[in-house]
PDB file of N, CA and C in Angstrom:
ATOM      1  N   UNK A   1     163.751 117.012 -55.088  1.00  0.00           N
ATOM      2  CA  UNK A   1     164.666 116.498 -55.527  1.00  0.00           C
ATOM      3  C   UNK A   1     164.540 115.679 -56.848  1.00  0.00           C
ATOM      4  N   UNK A   2     163.618 115.475 -57.635  1.00  0.00           N
ATOM      5  CA  UNK A   2     163.121 114.992 -58.666  1.00  0.00           C
ATOM      6  C   UNK A   2     163.507 115.838 -59.621  1.00  0.00           C
ATOM      7  N   UNK A   3     162.934 117.059 -59.529  1.00  0.00           N
ATOM      8  CA  UNK A   3     163.054 118.062 -60.893  1.00  0.00           C
ATOM      9  C   UNK A   3     164.298 118.569 -60.673  1.00  0.00           C
ATOM     10  N   UNK A   4     165.341 118.703 -59.481  1.00  0.00           N
ATOM     11  CA  UNK A   4     166.546 119.005 -59.563  1.00  0.00           C
ATOM     12  C   UNK A   4     167.445 117.801 -60.111  1.00  0.00           C
ATOM     13  N   UNK A   5     167.231 116.592 -60.120  1.00  0.00           N
ATOM     14  CA  UNK A   5     167.912 115.877 -60.883  1.00  0.00           C
ATOM     15  C   UNK A   5     167.839 116.206 -62.397  1.00  0.00           C
ATOM     16  N   UNK A   6     166.247 116.285 -62.835  1.00  0.00           N
ATOM     17  CA  UNK A   6     166.250 116.390 -64.080  1.00  0.00           C
ATOM     18  C   UNK A   6     166.552 117.738 -64.601  1.00  0.00           C
ATOM     19  N   UNK A   7     166.988 118.721 -63.813  1.00  0.00           N
ATOM     20  CA  UNK A   7     167.759 120.092 -64.394  1.00  0.00           C
ATOM     21  C   UNK A   7     169.195 119.702 -64.288  1.00  0.00           C
ATOM     22  N   UNK A   8     169.477 119.209 -63.230  1.00  0.00           N
ATOM     23  CA  UNK A   8     171.124 118.464 -63.568  1.00  0.00           C
ATOM     24  C   UNK A   8     171.415 118.129 -64.966  1.00  0.00           C
ATOM     25  N   UNK A   9     170.682 117.087 -64.971  1.00  0.00           N
ATOM     26  CA  UNK A   9     170.683 116.314 -66.278  1.00  0.00           C
ATOM     27  C   UNK A   9     170.482 117.082 -67.612  1.00  0.00           C
ATOM     28  N   UNK A  10     169.679 118.084 -67.390  1.00  0.00           N
ATOM     29  CA  UNK A  10     169.909 118.924 -68.557  1.00  0.00           C
ATOM     30  C   UNK A  10     171.212 119.942 -68.857  1.00  0.00           C
ATOM     31  N   UNK A  11     171.763 120.163 -67.593  1.00  0.00           N
ATOM     32  CA  UNK A  11     172.812 120.599 -67.625  1.00  0.00           C
ATOM     33  C   UNK A  11     173.994 120.104 -68.135  1.00  0.00           C
ATOM     34  N   UNK A  12     174.206 118.662 -67.574  1.00  0.00           N
ATOM     35  CA  UNK A  12     175.072 117.783 -68.275  1.00  0.00           C
ATOM     36  C   UNK A  12     174.681 117.694 -69.723  1.00  0.00           C
ATOM     37  N   UNK A  13     173.836 117.439 -70.125  1.00  0.00           N
ATOM     38  CA  UNK A  13     173.459 117.621 -71.468  1.00  0.00           C
ATOM     39  C   UNK A  13     173.975 118.673 -72.452  1.00  0.00           C
ATOM     40  N   UNK A  14     173.974 120.055 -71.642  1.00  0.00           N
ATOM     41  CA  UNK A  14     174.242 121.455 -72.604  1.00  0.00           C
ATOM     42  C   UNK A  14     175.863 120.734 -72.741  1.00  0.00           C
ATOM     43  N   UNK A  15     176.555 120.526 -71.485  1.00  0.00           N
ATOM     44  CA  UNK A  15     177.920 120.281 -71.918  1.00  0.00           C
ATOM     45  C   UNK A  15     178.548 119.560 -73.212  1.00  0.00           C
ATOM     46  N   UNK A  16     177.846 118.879 -73.726  1.00  0.00           N
ATOM     47  CA  UNK A  16     178.130 118.266 -74.825  1.00  0.00           C
ATOM     48  C   UNK A  16     178.884 118.965 -75.771  1.00  0.00           C
ATOM     49  N   UNK A  17     178.107 120.161 -76.201  1.00  0.00           N
ATOM     50  CA  UNK A  17     178.303 121.155 -77.015  1.00  0.00           C
ATOM     51  C   UNK A  17     180.098 121.696 -76.606  1.00  0.00           C
ATOM     52  N   UNK A  18     180.328 121.470 -75.580  1.00  0.00           N
ATOM     53  CA  UNK A  18     181.942 121.759 -75.210  1.00  0.00           C
ATOM     54  C   UNK A  18     182.849 120.901 -75.562  1.00  0.00           C
ATOM     55  N   UNK A  19     182.220 119.571 -75.649  1.00  0.00           N
ATOM     56  CA  UNK A  19     183.519 118.442 -76.006  1.00  0.00           C
ATOM     57  C   UNK A  19     184.094 119.405 -77.299  1.00  0.00           C
ATOM     58  N   UNK A  20     183.508 119.824 -78.131  1.00  0.00           N
ATOM     59  CA  UNK A  20     184.134 119.857 -79.379  1.00  0.00           C
ATOM     60  C   UNK A  20     185.097 121.090 -79.079  1.00  0.00           C
ATOM     61  N   UNK A  21     184.822 121.875 -78.128  1.00  0.00           N
ATOM     62  CA  UNK A  21     186.105 122.825 -77.717  1.00  0.00           C
ATOM     63  C   UNK A  21     186.830 122.594 -76.709  1.00  0.00           C
ATOM     64  N   UNK A  22     186.810 121.195 -76.311  1.00  0.00           N
ATOM     65  CA  UNK A  22     188.134 120.598 -75.206  1.00  0.00           C
ATOM     66  C   UNK A  22     187.342 119.910 -73.877  1.00  0.00           C
ATOM     67  N   UNK A  23     186.284 120.263 -73.929  1.00  0.00           N
ATOM     68  CA  UNK A  23     185.764 119.596 -72.883  1.00  0.00           C
ATOM     69  C   UNK A  23     185.729 118.053 -72.836  1.00  0.00           C
ATOM     70  N   UNK A  24     186.385 117.569 -71.632  1.00  0.00           N
ATOM     71  CA  UNK A  24     186.330 116.023 -71.622  1.00  0.00           C
ATOM     72  C   UNK A  24     185.359 115.588 -70.104  1.00  0.00           C
ATOM     73  N   UNK A  25     185.309 114.378 -70.343  1.00  0.00           N
ATOM     74  CA  UNK A  25     184.429 114.152 -69.330  1.00  0.00           C
ATOM     75  C   UNK A  25     185.294 113.895 -67.875  1.00  0.00           C
ATOM     76  N   UNK A  26     186.389 113.794 -68.005  1.00  0.00           N
ATOM     77  CA  UNK A  26     187.282 113.378 -67.037  1.00  0.00           C
ATOM     78  C   UNK A  26     187.123 114.911 -65.884  1.00  0.00           C
ATOM     79  N   UNK A  27     186.533 115.916 -66.742  1.00  0.00           N
ATOM     80  CA  UNK A  27     186.675 117.378 -65.633  1.00  0.00           C
ATOM     81  C   UNK A  27     185.363 117.043 -64.992  1.00  0.00           C
ATOM     82  N   UNK A  28     184.408 116.145 -64.895  1.00  0.00           N
ATOM     83  CA  UNK A  28     183.542 116.261 -64.168  1.00  0.00           C
ATOM     84  C   UNK A  28     184.292 115.514 -62.438  1.00  0.00           C
ATOM     85  N   UNK A  29     184.998 114.798 -62.809  1.00  0.00           N
ATOM     86  CA  UNK A  29     185.854 114.239 -61.772  1.00  0.00           C
ATOM     87  C   UNK A  29     186.710 115.222 -60.723  1.00  0.00           C
ATOM     88  N   UNK A  30     187.446 116.086 -61.772  1.00  0.00           N
ATOM     89  CA  UNK A  30     188.165 117.327 -61.523  1.00  0.00           C
ATOM     90  C   UNK A  30     187.271 118.509 -60.820  1.00  0.00           C
ATOM     91  N   UNK A  31     186.301 118.482 -61.130  1.00  0.00           N
ATOM     92  CA  UNK A  31     185.183 119.303 -60.854  1.00  0.00           C
ATOM     93  C   UNK A  31     184.656 119.015 -59.508  1.00  0.00           C
ATOM     94  N   UNK A  32     184.334 117.722 -59.411  1.00  0.00           N
ATOM     95  CA  UNK A  32     184.016 117.051 -57.928  1.00  0.00           C
ATOM     96  C   UNK A  32     185.061 117.951 -56.808  1.00  0.00           C
ATOM     97  N   UNK A  33     186.213 116.986 -56.968  1.00  0.00           N
ATOM     98  CA  UNK A  33     187.645 116.967 -56.177  1.00  0.00           C
ATOM     99  C   UNK A  33     187.739 118.364 -55.936  1.00  0.00           C
ATOM    100  N   UNK A  34     187.655 119.356 -56.849  1.00  0.00           N
ATOM    101  CA  UNK A  34     187.570 120.954 -56.300  1.00  0.00           C
ATOM    102  C   UNK A  34     186.303 120.874 -55.630  1.00  0.00           C
ATOM    103  N   UNK A  35     185.512 120.791 -55.622  1.00  0.00           N
ATOM    104  CA  UNK A  35     184.059 121.233 -54.634  1.00  0.00           C
ATOM    105  C   UNK A  35     184.241 120.675 -53.626  1.00  0.00           C
ATOM    106  N   UNK A  36     184.774 119.880 -52.928  1.00  0.00           N
ATOM    107  CA  UNK A  36     185.170 118.720 -51.988  1.00  0.00           C
ATOM    108  C   UNK A  36     186.531 119.507 -51.458  1.00  0.00           C
ATOM    109  N   UNK A  37     187.351 119.892 -52.059  1.00  0.00           N
ATOM    110  CA  UNK A  37     188.740 120.295 -51.318  1.00  0.00           C
ATOM    111  C   UNK A  37     188.007 121.287 -50.884  1.00  0.00           C
ATOM    112  N   UNK A  38     187.625 122.763 -51.868  1.00  0.00           N
ATOM    113  CA  UNK A  38     187.786 123.858 -51.032  1.00  0.00           C
ATOM    114  C   UNK A  38     186.434 124.151 -50.039  1.00  0.00           C
ATOM    115  N   UNK A  39     185.457 123.140 -50.303  1.00  0.00           N
ATOM    116  CA  UNK A  39     184.681 122.941 -48.743  1.00  0.00           C
ATOM    117  C   UNK A  39     185.281 122.266 -47.914  1.00  0.00           C
ATOM    118  N   UNK A  40     185.852 121.392 -47.705  1.00  0.00           N
ATOM    119  CA  UNK A  40     186.345 120.904 -46.543  1.00  0.00           C
ATOM    120  C   UNK A  40     187.627 121.773 -45.899  1.00  0.00           C
ATOM    121  N   UNK A  41     188.360 122.631 -46.872  1.00  0.00           N
ATOM    122  CA  UNK A  41     188.896 123.832 -46.129  1.00  0.00           C
ATOM    123  C   UNK A  41     188.244 124.795 -45.690  1.00  0.00           C
ATOM    124  N   UNK A  42     187.046 125.323 -46.108  1.00  0.00           N
ATOM    125  CA  UNK A  42     186.388 126.153 -45.544  1.00  0.00           C
ATOM    126  C   UNK A  42     185.640 125.578 -44.481  1.00  0.00           C
ATOM    127  N   UNK A  43     184.891 124.609 -44.388  1.00  0.00           N
ATOM    128  CA  UNK A  43     184.269 124.042 -43.124  1.00  0.00           C
ATOM    129  C   UNK A  43     185.642 123.965 -42.168  1.00  0.00           C
ATOM    130  N   UNK A  44     186.417 123.178 -42.432  1.00  0.00           N
ATOM    131  CA  UNK A  44     187.676 123.091 -41.471  1.00  0.00           C
ATOM    132  C   UNK A  44     188.015 124.324 -40.696  1.00  0.00           C
ATOM    133  N   UNK A  45     187.882 125.863 -41.223  1.00  0.00           N
ATOM    134  CA  UNK A  45     188.431 127.110 -40.622  1.00  0.00           C
ATOM    135  C   UNK A  45     187.241 127.967 -40.329  1.00  0.00           C
ATOM    136  N   UNK A  46     186.171 127.232 -39.863  1.00  0.00           N
ATOM    137  CA  UNK A  46     184.760 127.690 -39.229  1.00  0.00           C
ATOM    138  C   UNK A  46     185.398 127.398 -37.894  1.00  0.00           C
ATOM    139  N   UNK A  47     185.623 128.350 -37.010  1.00  0.00           N
ATOM    140  CA  UNK A  47     185.697 128.383 -35.645  1.00  0.00           C
ATOM    141  C   UNK A  47     184.799 128.352 -34.574  1.00  0.00           C
ATOM    142  N   UNK A  48     183.485 128.260 -35.376  1.00  0.00           N
ATOM    143  CA  UNK A  48     182.301 127.721 -34.035  1.00  0.00           C
ATOM    144  C   UNK A  48     181.896 126.656 -34.425  1.00  0.00           C
ATOM    145  N   UNK A  49     182.254 125.675 -35.320  1.00  0.00           N
ATOM    146  CA  UNK A  49     181.770 123.997 -35.618  1.00  0.00           C
ATOM    147  C   UNK A  49     182.669 122.860 -34.246  1.00  0.00           C
ATOM    148  N   UNK A  50     182.592 122.625 -33.563  1.00  0.00           N
ATOM    149  CA  UNK A  50     183.276 121.785 -32.889  1.00  0.00           C
ATOM    150  C   UNK A  50     183.788 120.512 -34.200  1.00  0.00           C
ATOM    151  N   UNK A  51     184.719 119.536 -34.051  1.00  0.00           N
ATOM    152  CA  UNK A  51     184.830 118.728 -34.918  1.00  0.00           C
ATOM    153  C   UNK A  51     183.994 117.731 -35.617  1.00  0.00           C
ATOM    154  N   UNK A  52     183.318 117.307 -34.561  1.00  0.00           N
ATOM    155  CA  UNK A  52     181.948 116.566 -35.107  1.00  0.00           C
ATOM    156  C   UNK A  52     181.515 117.167 -35.922  1.00  0.00           C
ATOM    157  N   UNK A  53     180.846 118.643 -36.045  1.00  0.00           N
ATOM    158  CA  UNK A  53     180.096 119.423 -36.577  1.00  0.00           C
ATOM    159  C   UNK A  53     180.655 119.534 -38.305  1.00  0.00           C
ATOM    160  N   UNK A  54     181.838 119.445 -37.745  1.00  0.00           N
ATOM    161  CA  UNK A  54     182.809 119.469 -39.020  1.00  0.00           C
ATOM    162  C   UNK A  54     182.770 118.693 -40.083  1.00  0.00           C
ATOM    163  N   UNK A  55     183.047 117.347 -39.349  1.00  0.00           N
ATOM    164  CA  UNK A  55     182.999 116.200 -39.934  1.00  0.00           C
ATOM    165  C   UNK A  55     181.819 115.760 -40.729  1.00  0.00           C
ATOM    166  N   UNK A  56     180.586 116.307 -39.855  1.00  0.00           N
ATOM    167  CA  UNK A  56     178.651 115.985 -40.538  1.00  0.00           C
ATOM    168  C   UNK A  56     179.122 116.993 -41.809  1.00  0.00           C
ATOM    169  N   UNK A  57     179.224 118.157 -41.438  1.00  0.00           N
ATOM    170  CA  UNK A  57     179.086 119.055 -42.474  1.00  0.00           C
ATOM    171  C   UNK A  57     179.471 118.872 -43.612  1.00  0.00           C
ATOM    172  N   UNK A  58     181.092 118.104 -43.703  1.00  0.00           N
ATOM    173  CA  UNK A  58     181.962 117.584 -44.781  1.00  0.00           C
ATOM    174  C   UNK A  58     181.273 116.503 -45.107  1.00  0.00           C
ATOM    175  N   UNK A  59     180.631 115.451 -44.711  1.00  0.00           N
ATOM    176  CA  UNK A  59     180.066 114.386 -45.089  1.00  0.00           C
ATOM    177  C   UNK A  59     178.470 114.746 -45.806  1.00  0.00           C
ATOM    178  N   UNK A  60     178.405 115.988 -45.403  1.00  0.00           N
ATOM    179  CA  UNK A  60     176.490 116.192 -45.864  1.00  0.00           C
ATOM    180  C   UNK A  60     177.164 116.695 -47.721  1.00  0.00           C
ATOM    181  N   UNK A  61     177.687 117.784 -47.506  1.00  0.00           N
ATOM    182  CA  UNK A  61     178.394 118.552 -48.406  1.00  0.00           C
ATOM    183  C   UNK A  61     179.401 117.551 -49.569  1.00  0.00           C
ATOM    184  N   UNK A  62     179.644 116.562 -49.226  1.00  0.00           N
ATOM    185  CA  UNK A  62     180.259 115.529 -49.942  1.00  0.00           C
ATOM    186  C   UNK A  62     179.032 114.848 -50.531  1.00  0.00           C
ATOM    187  N   UNK A  63     177.853 114.583 -50.052  1.00  0.00           N
ATOM    188  CA  UNK A  63     176.734 113.555 -50.529  1.00  0.00           C
ATOM    189  C   UNK A  63     176.426 114.628 -51.450  1.00  0.00           C
ATOM    190  N   UNK A  64     176.102 115.910 -51.200  1.00  0.00           N
ATOM    191  CA  UNK A  64     175.622 116.585 -52.072  1.00  0.00           C
ATOM    192  C   UNK A  64     176.237 117.360 -53.364  1.00  0.00           C
ATOM    193  N   UNK A  65     177.622 117.308 -53.055  1.00  0.00           N
ATOM    194  CA  UNK A  65     178.283 117.659 -54.617  1.00  0.00           C
ATOM    195  C   UNK A  65     178.457 116.442 -55.731  1.00  0.00           C
ATOM    196  N   UNK A  66     178.343 115.142 -54.614  1.00  0.00           N
ATOM    197  CA  UNK A  66     178.425 113.511 -55.446  1.00  0.00           C
ATOM    198  C   UNK A  66     176.935 113.731 -56.391  1.00  0.00           C
ATOM    199  N   UNK A  67     175.605 114.227 -55.687  1.00  0.00           N
ATOM    200  CA  UNK A  67     174.528 113.842 -56.275  1.00  0.00           C
ATOM    201  C   UNK A  67     174.385 114.779 -57.609  1.00  0.00           C
ATOM    202  N   UNK A  68     174.851 116.047 -57.503  1.00  0.00           N
ATOM    203  CA  UNK A  68     175.070 117.261 -58.574  1.00  0.00           C
ATOM    204  C   UNK A  68     175.763 116.342 -59.339  1.00  0.00           C
ATOM    205  N   UNK A  69     177.387 115.897 -59.008  1.00  0.00           N
ATOM    206  CA  UNK A  69     177.916 115.621 -60.267  1.00  0.00           C
ATOM    207  C   UNK A  69     177.568 114.361 -61.318  1.00  0.00           C
ATOM    208  N   UNK A  70     176.857 113.266 -60.006  1.00  0.00           N
ATOM    209  CA  UNK A  70     176.359 112.264 -60.940  1.00  0.00           C
ATOM    210  C   UNK A  70     175.264 112.263 -61.755  1.00  0.00           C
ATOM    211  N   UNK A  71     174.375 113.337 -61.462  1.00  0.00           N
ATOM    212  CA  UNK A  71     173.183 113.566 -62.428  1.00  0.00           C
ATOM    213  C   UNK A  71     173.995 114.559 -63.962  1.00  0.00           C
ATOM    214  N   UNK A  72     174.848 115.287 -63.238  1.00  0.00           N
ATOM    215  CA  UNK A  72     175.543 116.612 -64.671  1.00  0.00           C
ATOM    216  C   UNK A  72     175.870 115.032 -65.562  1.00  0.00           C
ATOM    217  N   UNK A  73     177.353 114.145 -65.066  1.00  0.00           N
ATOM    218  CA  UNK A  73     177.479 113.266 -65.797  1.00  0.00           C
ATOM    219  C   UNK A  73     176.849 112.286 -67.004  1.00  0.00           C
ATOM    220  N   UNK A  74     175.326 111.739 -66.040  1.00  0.00           N
ATOM    221  CA  UNK A  74     174.676 110.938 -66.732  1.00  0.00           C
ATOM    222  C   UNK A  74     173.641 111.821 -67.628  1.00  0.00           C
ATOM    223  N   UNK A  75     173.525 113.168 -67.894  1.00  0.00           N
ATOM    224  CA  UNK A  75     173.205 113.997 -68.927  1.00  0.00           C
ATOM    225  C   UNK A  75     174.253 114.085 -69.837  1.00  0.00           C
ATOM    226  N   UNK A  76     175.525 114.009 -69.901  1.00  0.00           N
ATOM    227  CA  UNK A  76     176.409 114.455 -70.426  1.00  0.00           C
ATOM    228  C   UNK A  76     176.877 113.098 -71.472  1.00  0.00           C
ATOM    229  N   UNK A  77     176.857 111.941 -70.637  1.00  0.00           N
ATOM    230  CA  UNK A  77     177.501 110.744 -71.174  1.00  0.00           C
ATOM    231  C   UNK A  77     176.122 110.404 -72.102  1.00  0.00           C
ATOM    232  N   UNK A  78     174.736 110.392 -71.490  1.00  0.00           N
ATOM    233  CA  UNK A  78     173.828 110.091 -72.190  1.00  0.00           C
ATOM    234  C   UNK A  78     173.637 110.530 -73.412  1.00  0.00           C
ATOM    235  N   UNK A  79     173.750 111.735 -73.323  1.00  0.00           N
ATOM    236  CA  UNK A  79     173.514 112.375 -75.148  1.00  0.00           C
ATOM    237  C   UNK A  79     175.096 112.121 -76.145  1.00  0.00           C
ATOM    238  N   UNK A  80     176.220 112.182 -75.299  1.00  0.00           N
ATOM    239  CA  UNK A  80     177.292 111.954 -75.802  1.00  0.00           C
ATOM    240  C   UNK A  80     177.435 110.792 -76.696  1.00  0.00           C
ATOM    241  N   UNK A  81     176.690 109.383 -75.856  1.00  0.00           N
ATOM    242  CA  UNK A  81     176.597 108.389 -76.145  1.00  0.00           C
ATOM    243  C   UNK A  81     175.468 108.380 -77.570  1.00  0.00           C
ATOM    244  N   UNK A  82     174.330 108.877 -77.452  1.00  0.00           N
ATOM    245  CA  UNK A  82     173.409 108.942 -78.366  1.00  0.00           C
ATOM    246  C   UNK A  82     173.758 109.518 -79.756  1.00  0.00           C
ATOM    247  N   UNK A  83     174.785 111.083 -79.861  1.00  0.00           N
ATOM    248  CA  UNK A  83     175.126 111.215 -80.779  1.00  0.00           C
ATOM    249  C   UNK A  83     176.285 110.714 -81.431  1.00  0.00           C
ATOM    250  N   UNK A  84     177.069 109.910 -80.753  1.00  0.00           N
ATOM    251  CA  UNK A  84     177.762 108.920 -81.324  1.00  0.00           C
ATOM    252  C   UNK A  84     177.396 108.054 -81.943  1.00  0.00           C
ATOM    253  N   UNK A  85     176.318 107.249 -81.452  1.00  0.00           N
ATOM    254  CA  UNK A  85     175.901 106.423 -82.116  1.00  0.00           C
ATOM    255  C   UNK A  85     175.265 106.784 -83.491  1.00  0.00           C
ATOM    256  N   UNK A  86     174.531 107.746 -83.667  1.00  0.00           N
ATOM    257  CA  UNK A  86     173.647 108.305 -84.294  1.00  0.00           C
ATOM    258  C   UNK A  86     175.077 108.883 -85.689  1.00  0.00           C
ATOM    259  N   UNK A  87     176.369 109.269 -85.423  1.00  0.00           N
ATOM    260  CA  UNK A  87     177.312 109.316 -86.035  1.00  0.00           C
ATOM    261  C   UNK A  87     178.082 107.773 -87.377  1.00  0.00           C
ATOM    262  N   UNK A  88     177.738 106.646 -86.741  1.00  0.00           N
ATOM    263  CA  UNK A  88     177.845 106.024 -86.984  1.00  0.00           C
ATOM    264  C   UNK A  88     176.999 104.741 -87.974  1.00  0.00           C
TER     265      UNK A  88
END
């Protein structure tokens, strides 16, 4: 997981260059909501899962999505703050 968090952080840092083209920090939350919505919808449609299995799967995917987005945000926010600090 440590290697994954560093990788996700670096992906977040790479998104700083997209800020000049209109990428906004709130897009991370929109992305997370979209992931959760689509996964919840998909898992809810699985016919071979009972309600408890569906709820457990949704909870697990939510935790994973939160983990991913948290590290993307950190990389993005840290580099944005660093670049803004150097501009002033």
